[in-house]
Amino acid sequence: MNDDSRTQTERSITSVTDSEIRRLARLFRAVAGAWAIAVYEDGAMRRAVTNRLREALAPLPIIECALINEEPDLLAFLRRIPSDPPHVVSITGIDSAFDRGIAEYLELHREALLSQPHRLLFWVTDYGLQVLSNRAPNFSSRVNTIVHFYGQLGERPEGVFIGRELATTSPIPAVDTTPRRRAIEVKDDTERARWIDYYRRRINDLEQATNPDASAAADAWYDLAGLYAQHAATLDEAAQAYERAAGWYARAGQSDAQADALLRAGIAYARRYDHQKALRCYQQALTVFKQIGDRLGEANVLLAIGDVLRFRTEMDAALASYQQALTRYQAVGDRLGEANVLLAIGDV
């Protein structure tokens, strides 16, 4: 890379991803054995972020582990690394290793991986994040935080389905955003379009029935929203579909599902920088979580509200929301949630 290209790359990194890099650096410096997932869509962006993170973490060493051309035996790799000092291990090639069982491997060996002293950074695409959530839920639940590095500085990863837009960071909450229903895995636009058409027809049939099945209609809207959420270009449709799902869940008397759908609608609006609609959905979700006594749900929404307020530079209000989230995470004993909100407070 010549000096002009390096300058342009660094300028793009500075304007787009500094906040997420700082979040990762604070996590890895403060928490022994921390795990993070970094979602990306461009190989050059990933490498540039890794270089910046290496500078931010010095003298804590970073070592890279590529799973592309070998069996995905991550434990064997980690055991070969000196434990004094512990390293940050940047793990790439996960998407290409799904057909070799990497998701199942991570799920099976979660406890063994936890016994290692190193900090782990898992690089995946949006599609890869869905696959891990579906196939390795226990592994995914252990991750301390998820950060997003959208935008393109060079080539994309090969052979994977990724989003096209969102060339800046967005106020996506650092909460457990695992969907309540298993996401539909699609590998290209054609397959995604087929599923969207199927759910549109199914929703029409359900809503035209004499006595609509409210629960089935809600699930159909929720699944359709998940398909829309896979593309930045259809985040508005995703948010609106999640709101429709919430309405049907309310009719079905499923308040917990209603609150979850409202939270996801807010997340989709936040990714589109529609802060007012995001906050409206978050406040509605918070009301429902309070009504059903779900303290963890309250904490997650308050953290999400704080993230939007911080993105709008309303720092006093963001800090107040984070403090309320922290109190609730501590009350329910959620150490990961507590760690995430403390990282967020550090950004204020």
Protein backbone atom coordinates (compact mmCIF):
# COMPACT_ATOMS: atom_id res chain seq x y z
CA MET A 1 0.00 0.00 0.00
CA ASN A 2 1.42 3.37 -0.98
CA ASP A 3 1.34 6.42 1.31
CA ASP A 4 -1.68 7.98 -0.42
CA SER A 5 -3.70 4.78 -0.13
CA ARG A 6 -2.67 4.32 3.48
CA THR A 7 -3.72 7.88 4.28
CA GLN A 8 -7.10 7.38 2.61
CA THR A 9 -7.63 4.09 4.42
CA GLU A 10 -6.72 5.52 7.81
CA ARG A 11 -9.01 8.49 7.23
CA SER A 12 -11.89 6.16 6.38
CA ILE A 13 -11.17 4.04 9.43
CA THR A 14 -11.02 7.10 11.67
CA SER A 15 -14.35 8.50 10.48
CA VAL A 16 -16.19 5.19 10.42
CA THR A 17 -15.00 2.83 13.12
CA ASP A 18 -13.04 4.59 15.87
CA SER A 19 -15.78 4.10 18.46
CA GLU A 20 -15.98 0.35 17.82
CA ILE A 21 -12.19 -0.01 17.90
CA ARG A 22 -12.08 1.78 21.25
CA ARG A 23 -14.82 -0.51 22.55
CA LEU A 24 -12.82 -3.59 21.57
CA ALA A 25 -9.59 -2.20 23.01
CA ARG A 26 -11.20 -1.41 26.36
CA LEU A 27 -12.81 -4.84 26.52
CA PHE A 28 -9.61 -6.75 25.76
CA ARG A 29 -7.51 -4.67 28.12
CA ALA A 30 -9.98 -4.94 31.00
CA VAL A 31 -11.45 -8.44 30.76
CA ALA A 32 -9.28 -11.56 30.84
CA GLY A 33 -10.62 -14.25 28.53
CA ALA A 34 -13.00 -11.82 26.79
CA TRP A 35 -14.74 -12.85 23.58
CA ALA A 36 -15.99 -10.50 20.87
CA ILE A 37 -17.58 -10.93 17.45
CA ALA A 38 -16.67 -8.43 14.74
CA VAL A 39 -19.09 -8.27 11.81
CA TYR A 40 -17.55 -7.08 8.54
CA GLU A 41 -18.18 -7.15 4.82
CA ASP A 42 -14.79 -6.22 3.34
CA GLY A 43 -11.41 -7.86 3.72
CA ALA A 44 -9.43 -4.64 3.45
CA MET A 45 -11.56 -3.07 6.18
CA ARG A 46 -10.93 -6.07 8.45
CA ARG A 47 -7.17 -5.88 7.96
CA ALA A 48 -7.10 -2.11 8.51
CA VAL A 49 -9.14 -2.45 11.70
CA THR A 50 -6.85 -5.23 12.92
CA ASN A 51 -3.82 -2.99 12.40
CA ARG A 52 -5.45 -0.15 14.30
CA LEU A 53 -6.47 -2.49 17.09
CA ARG A 54 -2.91 -3.82 17.29
CA GLU A 55 -1.68 -0.26 17.88
CA ALA A 56 -4.40 0.44 20.46
CA LEU A 57 -3.65 -2.71 22.46
CA ALA A 58 0.14 -2.56 22.49
CA PRO A 59 1.98 -4.10 24.27
CA LEU A 60 -0.78 -6.75 24.47
CA PRO A 61 0.07 -8.99 21.49
CA ILE A 62 -2.35 -9.91 18.68
CA ILE A 63 -1.94 -13.14 16.76
CA GLU A 64 -4.05 -14.17 13.76
CA CYS A 65 -5.64 -17.56 13.21
CA ALA A 66 -7.05 -18.29 9.73
CA LEU A 67 -9.42 -21.26 9.42
CA ILE A 68 -9.56 -21.16 5.63
CA ASN A 69 -7.02 -23.81 4.63
CA GLU A 70 -7.05 -26.15 7.60
CA GLU A 71 -9.37 -28.19 9.78
CA PRO A 72 -11.08 -25.85 12.24
CA ASP A 73 -9.30 -27.07 15.37
CA LEU A 74 -9.12 -23.78 17.19
CA LEU A 75 -8.24 -25.37 20.54
CA ALA A 76 -5.10 -26.97 19.12
CA PHE A 77 -4.03 -23.58 17.78
CA LEU A 78 -4.68 -21.82 21.10
CA ARG A 79 -2.74 -24.43 23.05
CA ARG A 80 0.35 -23.72 20.98
CA ILE A 81 0.33 -20.02 21.93
CA PRO A 82 2.34 -19.03 25.02
CA SER A 83 -0.04 -18.15 27.86
CA ASP A 84 2.28 -15.60 29.45
CA PRO A 85 1.35 -13.03 28.42
CA PRO A 86 -2.14 -13.93 27.17
CA HIS A 87 -2.72 -12.94 23.55
CA VAL A 88 -5.60 -11.46 21.61
CA VAL A 89 -6.37 -14.04 18.91
CA SER A 90 -8.01 -12.66 15.76
CA ILE A 91 -9.88 -15.56 14.13
CA THR A 92 -10.77 -15.32 10.43
CA GLY A 93 -12.17 -17.67 7.79
CA ILE A 94 -15.15 -18.69 9.93
CA ASP A 95 -17.73 -18.23 7.15
CA SER A 96 -15.78 -20.49 4.81
CA ALA A 97 -15.48 -23.15 7.54
CA PHE A 98 -19.21 -23.62 8.17
CA ASP A 99 -19.35 -26.56 5.77
CA ARG A 100 -16.53 -28.14 7.80
CA GLY A 101 -18.49 -27.88 11.04
CA ILE A 102 -16.95 -24.82 12.70
CA ALA A 103 -20.26 -23.71 14.27
CA GLU A 104 -20.84 -27.13 15.78
CA TYR A 105 -17.20 -27.23 16.91
CA LEU A 106 -17.53 -23.92 18.74
CA GLU A 107 -20.76 -25.08 20.39
CA LEU A 108 -19.26 -28.40 21.48
CA HIS A 109 -16.00 -26.95 22.79
CA ARG A 110 -17.33 -23.78 24.42
CA GLU A 111 -16.19 -24.76 27.93
CA ALA A 112 -12.75 -25.86 26.74
CA LEU A 113 -12.33 -22.56 24.91
CA LEU A 114 -13.36 -20.72 28.09
CA SER A 115 -10.50 -22.42 29.94
CA GLN A 116 -7.95 -20.75 27.66
CA PRO A 117 -6.39 -17.50 28.95
CA HIS A 118 -6.50 -15.67 25.63
CA ARG A 119 -8.90 -13.00 24.40
CA LEU A 120 -10.75 -14.14 21.26
CA LEU A 121 -11.99 -11.97 18.38
CA PHE A 122 -14.20 -13.83 15.88
CA TRP A 123 -14.60 -12.20 12.43
CA VAL A 124 -17.82 -13.06 10.57
CA THR A 125 -20.15 -11.56 7.98
CA ASP A 126 -23.82 -10.77 8.68
CA TYR A 127 -24.64 -14.19 7.29
CA GLY A 128 -22.04 -15.80 9.53
CA LEU A 129 -23.52 -14.09 12.57
CA GLN A 130 -26.91 -15.62 11.72
CA VAL A 131 -25.39 -19.08 11.32
CA LEU A 132 -23.59 -18.90 14.67
CA SER A 133 -26.77 -17.71 16.37
CA ASN A 134 -28.71 -20.64 14.92
CA ARG A 135 -26.17 -23.46 15.13
CA ALA A 136 -24.13 -22.41 18.17
CA PRO A 137 -26.52 -20.64 20.58
CA ASN A 138 -24.61 -21.52 23.74
CA PHE A 139 -21.35 -20.33 22.23
CA SER A 140 -23.02 -17.13 21.04
CA SER A 141 -24.47 -16.45 24.49
CA ARG A 142 -20.94 -16.29 25.95
CA VAL A 143 -19.77 -13.48 23.64
CA ASN A 144 -19.11 -10.27 25.58
CA THR A 145 -19.91 -7.86 22.75
CA ILE A 146 -20.64 -7.61 19.03
CA VAL A 147 -19.15 -4.79 16.98
CA HIS A 148 -19.86 -3.87 13.36
CA PHE A 149 -17.39 -2.68 10.74
CA TYR A 150 -19.48 -1.98 7.67
CA GLY A 151 -18.21 -0.24 4.56
CA GLN A 152 -15.79 -1.27 1.83
CA LEU A 153 -12.14 -0.38 1.40
CA GLY A 154 -11.22 -3.27 -0.89
CA GLU A 155 -12.36 -6.79 -1.75
CA ARG A 156 -15.24 -8.64 -0.14
CA PRO A 157 -14.93 -12.10 1.41
CA GLU A 158 -15.40 -14.77 -1.22
CA GLY A 159 -18.39 -17.09 -1.42
CA VAL A 160 -20.58 -15.47 1.26
CA PHE A 161 -23.79 -13.45 1.25
CA ILE A 162 -23.37 -9.99 2.76
CA GLY A 163 -25.15 -6.65 2.98
CA ARG A 164 -24.51 -3.83 0.54
CA GLU A 165 -24.89 -0.57 2.39
CA LEU A 166 -24.44 1.08 5.78
CA ALA A 167 -20.97 2.52 5.20
CA THR A 168 -20.80 4.02 8.70
CA THR A 169 -21.16 2.65 12.18
CA SER A 170 -24.68 2.77 13.59
CA PRO A 171 -26.05 2.80 17.14
CA ILE A 172 -26.65 -0.95 17.26
CA PRO A 173 -27.03 -1.86 20.93
CA ALA A 174 -24.38 -4.01 22.57
CA VAL A 175 -27.03 -6.31 24.02
CA ASP A 176 -27.83 -9.95 23.48
CA THR A 177 -29.63 -9.58 20.15
CA THR A 178 -30.20 -13.29 19.52
CA PRO A 179 -33.65 -13.58 17.87
CA ARG A 180 -36.39 -15.45 19.75
CA ARG A 181 -37.05 -17.48 16.58
CA ARG A 182 -34.47 -19.29 14.50
CA ALA A 183 -33.41 -17.06 11.61
CA ILE A 184 -33.78 -18.35 8.05
CA GLU A 185 -30.36 -18.89 6.51
CA VAL A 186 -30.08 -17.72 2.89
CA LYS A 187 -26.94 -17.67 0.79
CA ASP A 188 -27.92 -15.33 -2.04
CA ASP A 189 -30.44 -12.72 -3.10
CA THR A 190 -32.47 -15.16 -5.17
CA GLU A 191 -33.10 -17.49 -2.25
CA ARG A 192 -33.89 -14.55 -0.01
CA ALA A 193 -36.43 -13.20 -2.52
CA ARG A 194 -38.14 -16.62 -2.68
CA TRP A 195 -38.52 -16.71 1.11
CA ILE A 196 -39.82 -13.14 1.21
CA ASP A 197 -42.43 -13.97 -1.43
CA TYR A 198 -43.45 -17.08 0.53
CA TYR A 199 -43.96 -15.14 3.75
CA ARG A 200 -45.88 -12.36 2.04
CA ARG A 201 -48.32 -14.93 0.62
CA ARG A 202 -48.53 -16.75 3.97
CA ILE A 203 -49.27 -13.51 5.83
CA ASN A 204 -51.96 -12.59 3.33
CA ASP A 205 -53.64 -15.99 3.77
CA LEU A 206 -53.45 -15.77 7.57
CA GLU A 207 -54.81 -12.23 7.77
CA GLN A 208 -57.65 -12.94 5.33
CA ALA A 209 -58.94 -15.87 7.41
CA THR A 210 -62.30 -15.47 9.15
CA ASN A 211 -60.70 -16.05 12.54
CA PRO A 212 -57.00 -15.24 12.09
CA ASP A 213 -54.48 -17.22 14.12
CA ALA A 214 -52.80 -14.29 15.86
CA SER A 215 -49.79 -16.28 17.00
CA ALA A 216 -49.12 -17.72 13.54
CA ALA A 217 -49.51 -14.30 11.92
CA ALA A 218 -47.11 -12.80 14.44
CA ASP A 219 -44.51 -15.48 13.79
CA ALA A 220 -44.84 -14.98 10.03
CA TRP A 221 -44.31 -11.22 10.34
CA TYR A 222 -41.35 -11.83 12.67
CA ASP A 223 -39.71 -14.25 10.22
CA LEU A 224 -40.31 -11.86 7.31
CA ALA A 225 -38.72 -9.05 9.33
CA GLY A 226 -35.66 -11.21 9.91
CA LEU A 227 -35.28 -11.70 6.15
CA TYR A 228 -35.58 -7.96 5.52
CA ALA A 229 -33.05 -7.24 8.26
CA GLN A 230 -30.38 -9.19 6.37
CA HIS A 231 -29.99 -6.25 3.94
CA ALA A 232 -29.29 -2.66 4.89
CA ALA A 233 -31.43 -1.58 1.92
CA THR A 234 -34.56 -3.12 3.48
CA LEU A 235 -34.13 -2.12 7.12
CA ASP A 236 -37.23 0.09 6.99
CA GLU A 237 -39.28 -2.90 5.85
CA ALA A 238 -37.70 -4.97 8.63
CA ALA A 239 -38.63 -2.45 11.30
CA GLN A 240 -42.20 -2.14 10.02
CA ALA A 241 -42.57 -5.93 9.88
CA TYR A 242 -41.31 -6.28 13.46
CA GLU A 243 -43.91 -3.70 14.52
CA ARG A 244 -46.63 -5.68 12.75
CA ALA A 245 -45.39 -8.80 14.52
CA ALA A 246 -45.58 -6.97 17.85
CA GLY A 247 -49.19 -6.02 17.18
CA TRP A 248 -50.17 -9.61 16.46
CA TYR A 249 -48.24 -10.90 19.48
CA ALA A 250 -50.22 -8.43 21.62
CA ARG A 251 -53.49 -9.84 20.18
CA ALA A 252 -52.25 -13.35 20.96
CA GLY A 253 -51.46 -12.40 24.55
CA GLN A 254 -47.72 -13.11 24.11
CA SER A 255 -46.32 -10.08 25.89
CA ASP A 256 -42.73 -11.35 26.04
CA ALA A 257 -42.69 -11.87 22.26
CA GLN A 258 -44.36 -8.49 21.76
CA ALA A 259 -41.60 -6.75 23.73
CA ASP A 260 -38.88 -8.63 21.83
CA ALA A 261 -40.38 -7.65 18.46
CA LEU A 262 -40.56 -4.00 19.53
CA LEU A 263 -36.91 -4.12 20.63
CA ARG A 264 -35.91 -5.50 17.22
CA ALA A 265 -37.94 -2.88 15.43
CA GLY A 266 -36.00 -0.26 17.38
CA ILE A 267 -32.69 -1.88 16.46
CA ALA A 268 -33.64 -1.84 12.75
CA TYR A 269 -34.65 1.83 12.93
CA ALA A 270 -31.42 2.65 14.77
CA ARG A 271 -29.39 1.05 12.00
CA ARG A 272 -31.18 3.37 9.58
CA TYR A 273 -30.36 6.38 11.82
CA ASP A 274 -34.09 6.99 12.35
CA HIS A 275 -33.52 7.86 15.98
CA GLN A 276 -37.03 9.07 16.80
CA LYS A 277 -38.68 5.86 15.60
CA ALA A 278 -35.99 3.78 17.32
CA LEU A 279 -36.60 5.53 20.63
CA ARG A 280 -40.39 5.18 20.19
CA CYS A 281 -40.08 1.41 19.74
CA TYR A 282 -37.61 1.10 22.59
CA GLN A 283 -39.93 2.99 24.95
CA GLN A 284 -42.84 0.75 23.95
CA ALA A 285 -40.69 -2.35 24.53
CA LEU A 286 -39.58 -0.99 27.90
CA THR A 287 -43.21 -0.48 28.96
CA VAL A 288 -44.10 -4.08 28.11
CA PHE A 289 -41.00 -5.51 29.81
CA LYS A 290 -41.92 -3.55 32.96
CA GLN A 291 -45.49 -4.84 32.82
CA ILE A 292 -44.35 -8.47 32.76
CA GLY A 293 -41.56 -7.95 35.29
CA ASP A 294 -38.71 -8.86 32.93
CA ARG A 295 -35.77 -7.03 34.50
CA LEU A 296 -33.25 -8.37 32.00
CA GLY A 297 -35.45 -7.17 29.13
CA GLU A 298 -35.64 -3.75 30.78
CA ALA A 299 -31.85 -3.66 31.08
CA ASN A 300 -31.35 -4.55 27.41
CA VAL A 301 -33.75 -1.84 26.25
CA LEU A 302 -32.23 0.80 28.54
CA LEU A 303 -28.79 -0.04 27.15
CA ALA A 304 -30.17 0.29 23.61
CA ILE A 305 -31.76 3.65 24.47
CA GLY A 306 -28.46 4.83 25.88
CA ASP A 307 -26.65 3.85 22.69
CA VAL A 308 -29.01 5.93 20.54
CA LEU A 309 -28.77 8.91 22.90
CA ARG A 310 -24.96 8.67 22.92
CA PHE A 311 -24.97 8.54 19.12
CA ARG A 312 -27.00 11.78 19.19
CA THR A 313 -24.42 13.24 21.65
CA GLU A 314 -27.09 13.59 24.37
CA MET A 315 -24.49 12.44 26.87
CA ASP A 316 -26.29 13.22 30.14
CA ALA A 317 -29.41 11.37 29.04
CA ALA A 318 -27.32 8.48 27.69
CA LEU A 319 -25.44 8.15 30.97
CA ALA A 320 -28.70 8.14 32.94
CA SER A 321 -30.06 5.34 30.75
CA TYR A 322 -26.83 3.36 31.07
CA GLN A 323 -26.92 3.71 34.86
CA GLN A 324 -30.47 2.36 34.96
CA ALA A 325 -29.40 -0.56 32.75
CA LEU A 326 -26.41 -1.25 35.01
CA THR A 327 -28.63 -1.39 38.10
CA ARG A 328 -30.88 -3.97 36.45
CA TYR A 329 -28.03 -6.11 35.10
CA GLN A 330 -26.54 -6.20 38.59
CA ALA A 331 -29.94 -7.07 40.10
CA VAL A 332 -30.35 -10.14 37.87
CA GLY A 333 -26.67 -11.15 38.08
CA ASP A 334 -25.96 -10.77 34.36
CA ARG A 335 -22.20 -10.24 34.36
CA LEU A 336 -21.93 -10.02 30.57
CA GLY A 337 -24.61 -7.36 30.42
CA GLU A 338 -22.90 -5.52 33.24
CA ALA A 339 -19.59 -5.61 31.36
CA ASN A 340 -21.22 -4.32 28.17
CA VAL A 341 -22.91 -1.39 29.88
CA LEU A 342 -19.69 -0.48 31.70
CA LEU A 343 -17.95 -0.39 28.32
CA ALA A 344 -20.72 1.86 27.02
CA ILE A 345 -20.38 4.17 30.02
CA GLY A 346 -16.70 4.44 29.18
CA ASP A 347 -17.68 5.86 25.78
CA VAL A 348 -19.65 8.73 27.30
